[in-house]
Amino acid sequence: MDVTIGIDQAEVVFSNPTTIPELMSEFNKVWKIILECLSPNIRQSYFEATLHCEADGVKEFLNKAVQVPANASQAVRVPADAGEVHRGYSITSQQNSSLSARLSLDLSGSVKDGLYVVFAYFSMATMIDITAFSQLFNSILVSYRRLQAMGGVQLLERNADGTYSKRN
């Protein structure tokens, strides 16, 4: 009897990688083991990064970027007990039905006057080896940086020596 058991999902979570090269290195280590041991045929990939960033003028930036018409408050009823309501926005790049990237910007709930960023990347490209995964990670990084430019923000990335650089 031949039996095949499939894995529906594999998830790898990294918390606070120091630099993007470090993240890429750890990402490759984990997926290399999975790919070599299991030889899976991966049909879709989802990558998500959430960041709470120190930033200057976040509220002003978001209020300027997201214009709400004066009469919009009449159309949308905000309950009195809702607390402070603030603005945020999202930009999506949809290249086709099998590839999309999204960058969402909002006020941070954990960094005072900071920026909360969510970046998500979805691909239906088939991955069969570590080379394909490395190429995927490079595509993810390009999309992340490109969406920043489109969204009017520039997130500094930490270098190995602890300094920060603008990369988009």
Protein backbone atom coordinates (compact mmCIF):
# COMPACT_ATOMS: atom_id res chain seq x y z
CA MET A 1 0.00 0.00 0.00
CA ASP A 2 1.29 3.48 -0.91
CA VAL A 3 0.30 6.28 1.43
CA THR A 4 0.99 9.97 1.04
CA ILE A 5 0.53 12.39 3.90
CA GLY A 6 0.36 16.07 3.11
CA ILE A 7 1.19 19.07 5.21
CA ASP A 8 -1.32 21.84 4.67
CA GLN A 9 0.71 24.58 6.25
CA ALA A 10 4.14 25.29 7.66
CA GLU A 11 4.65 28.47 9.63
CA VAL A 12 7.89 30.02 10.76
CA VAL A 13 7.82 33.00 13.12
CA PHE A 14 10.75 35.31 13.79
CA SER A 15 10.64 37.88 16.55
CA ASN A 16 12.82 40.97 16.37
CA PRO A 17 15.51 39.97 13.88
CA THR A 18 18.35 42.46 14.15
CA THR A 19 18.81 43.04 10.40
CA ILE A 20 17.23 41.95 7.16
CA PRO A 21 20.32 39.89 6.21
CA GLU A 22 19.97 38.08 9.55
CA LEU A 23 16.30 37.42 8.83
CA MET A 24 17.18 36.12 5.35
CA SER A 25 19.87 33.85 6.79
CA GLU A 26 17.54 32.37 9.42
CA PHE A 27 14.73 32.07 6.87
CA ASN A 28 17.03 30.11 4.53
CA LYS A 29 18.28 27.82 7.33
CA VAL A 30 14.79 26.79 8.37
CA TRP A 31 13.40 26.30 4.86
CA LYS A 32 16.52 24.50 3.65
CA ILE A 33 15.94 21.82 6.31
CA ILE A 34 12.25 21.52 5.42
CA LEU A 35 12.93 21.35 1.69
CA GLU A 36 15.78 18.84 1.97
CA CYS A 37 14.05 16.53 4.46
CA LEU A 38 10.53 16.55 3.03
CA SER A 39 10.99 17.51 -0.66
CA PRO A 40 7.61 19.27 -0.64
CA ASN A 41 5.91 20.86 -3.61
CA ILE A 42 4.94 24.22 -2.13
CA ARG A 43 2.16 25.82 -4.13
CA GLN A 44 1.63 29.08 -2.28
CA SER A 45 3.50 31.31 0.13
CA TYR A 46 2.41 34.01 2.55
CA PHE A 47 4.83 36.34 4.29
CA GLU A 48 3.82 38.90 6.90
CA ALA A 49 5.83 41.40 8.89
CA THR A 50 4.44 43.64 11.62
CA LEU A 51 6.47 46.55 12.91
CA HIS A 52 6.02 49.17 15.58
CA CYS A 53 8.36 52.01 14.62
CA GLU A 54 9.54 55.18 16.26
CA ALA A 55 8.60 58.06 14.00
CA ASP A 56 8.12 61.81 13.99
CA GLY A 57 4.80 63.37 13.02
CA VAL A 58 2.83 60.16 12.44
CA LYS A 59 -0.59 61.63 13.29
CA GLU A 60 0.01 64.68 11.11
CA PHE A 61 1.27 62.49 8.26
CA LEU A 62 -1.75 60.15 8.41
CA ASN A 63 -4.22 63.02 8.77
CA LYS A 64 -2.72 64.70 5.72
CA ALA A 65 -2.53 61.46 3.71
CA VAL A 66 -6.09 60.34 4.49
CA GLN A 67 -8.59 63.07 3.72
CA VAL A 68 -12.06 62.64 5.19
CA PRO A 69 -14.78 64.91 3.75
CA ALA A 70 -16.53 67.11 6.32
CA ASN A 71 -19.91 65.43 5.71
CA ALA A 72 -18.44 61.91 6.12
CA SER A 73 -19.09 62.00 9.86
CA GLN A 74 -22.80 62.07 9.07
CA ALA A 75 -22.57 58.92 6.96
CA VAL A 76 -20.47 57.00 9.47
CA ARG A 77 -21.78 56.95 13.03
CA VAL A 78 -18.98 56.58 15.56
CA PRO A 79 -20.27 55.55 19.01
CA ALA A 80 -19.49 58.01 21.79
CA ASP A 81 -17.65 55.30 23.75
CA ALA A 82 -15.42 54.35 20.78
CA GLY A 83 -12.50 56.34 22.16
CA GLU A 84 -10.08 58.18 19.93
CA VAL A 85 -10.57 57.53 16.23
CA HIS A 86 -7.57 58.07 13.98
CA ARG A 87 -6.65 57.53 10.37
CA GLY A 88 -4.56 54.91 8.64
CA TYR A 89 -4.33 53.50 5.14
CA SER A 90 -3.29 50.54 3.07
CA ILE A 91 -1.68 50.19 -0.37
CA THR A 92 -1.94 46.96 -2.34
CA SER A 93 0.03 45.93 -5.39
CA GLN A 94 -1.84 43.19 -7.27
CA GLN A 95 0.28 42.01 -10.19
CA ASN A 96 -2.12 39.21 -11.11
CA SER A 97 -4.40 36.78 -9.31
CA SER A 98 -1.41 34.82 -8.01
CA LEU A 99 0.76 37.61 -6.59
CA SER A 100 -0.07 40.49 -4.28
CA ALA A 101 1.65 42.66 -1.70
CA ARG A 102 0.11 45.03 0.85
CA LEU A 103 1.52 47.70 3.12
CA SER A 104 -0.75 49.10 5.84
CA LEU A 105 0.10 52.12 7.97
CA ASP A 106 -1.57 53.16 11.22
CA LEU A 107 -0.76 54.59 14.63
CA SER A 108 1.17 52.21 16.85
CA GLY A 109 -0.54 50.94 19.95
CA SER A 110 2.74 50.06 21.66
CA VAL A 111 5.20 52.80 20.62
CA LYS A 112 4.10 56.25 21.78
CA ASP A 113 3.35 58.45 18.75
CA GLY A 114 4.85 55.67 16.61
CA LEU A 115 3.90 54.06 13.33
CA TYR A 116 2.36 50.59 13.08
CA VAL A 117 3.23 48.86 9.81
CA VAL A 118 1.89 45.60 8.44
CA PHE A 119 3.41 44.19 5.28
CA ALA A 120 1.92 41.09 3.67
CA TYR A 121 3.02 39.25 0.52
CA PHE A 122 1.11 36.40 -1.11
CA SER A 123 2.41 34.27 -3.99
CA MET A 124 1.06 31.23 -5.78
CA ALA A 125 4.48 30.47 -7.31
CA THR A 126 5.56 26.86 -6.84
CA MET A 127 8.64 26.41 -4.64
CA ILE A 128 10.65 23.20 -4.87
CA ASP A 129 14.13 24.17 -3.67
CA ILE A 130 16.06 26.67 -1.57
CA THR A 131 17.05 28.68 -4.65
CA ALA A 132 13.38 29.33 -5.40
CA PHE A 133 12.83 30.37 -1.78
CA SER A 134 15.80 32.75 -1.89
CA GLN A 135 14.40 34.31 -5.05
CA LEU A 136 11.01 34.59 -3.35
CA PHE A 137 12.54 36.36 -0.35
CA ASN A 138 14.31 38.83 -2.66
CA SER A 139 10.98 39.53 -4.42
CA ILE A 140 9.33 40.07 -1.05
CA LEU A 141 12.03 42.57 -0.05
CA VAL A 142 11.73 44.47 -3.35
CA SER A 143 7.94 44.69 -2.91
CA TYR A 144 8.30 45.84 0.70
CA ARG A 145 10.62 48.67 -0.30
CA ARG A 146 8.63 49.62 -3.40
CA LEU A 147 5.36 49.89 -1.47
CA GLN A 148 7.05 52.19 1.06
CA ALA A 149 7.95 54.58 -1.73
CA MET A 150 4.41 54.40 -3.12
CA GLY A 151 2.97 54.99 0.38
CA GLY A 152 5.12 58.06 1.01
CA VAL A 153 7.10 56.52 3.87
CA GLN A 154 10.66 55.39 4.30
CA LEU A 155 11.38 52.82 7.00
CA LEU A 156 15.00 52.76 8.04
CA GLU A 157 16.65 49.35 8.15
CA ARG A 158 19.29 48.46 10.71
CA ASN A 159 22.78 47.61 9.47
CA ALA A 160 24.98 44.96 11.10
CA ASP A 161 26.98 47.71 12.85
CA GLY A 162 23.83 49.14 14.49
CA THR A 163 23.47 52.16 12.22
CA TYR A 164 20.39 52.69 10.04
CA SER A 165 20.06 53.10 6.28
CA LYS A 166 17.41 54.22 3.84
CA ARG A 167 16.96 51.50 1.26
CA ASN A 168 13.90 52.18 -0.89
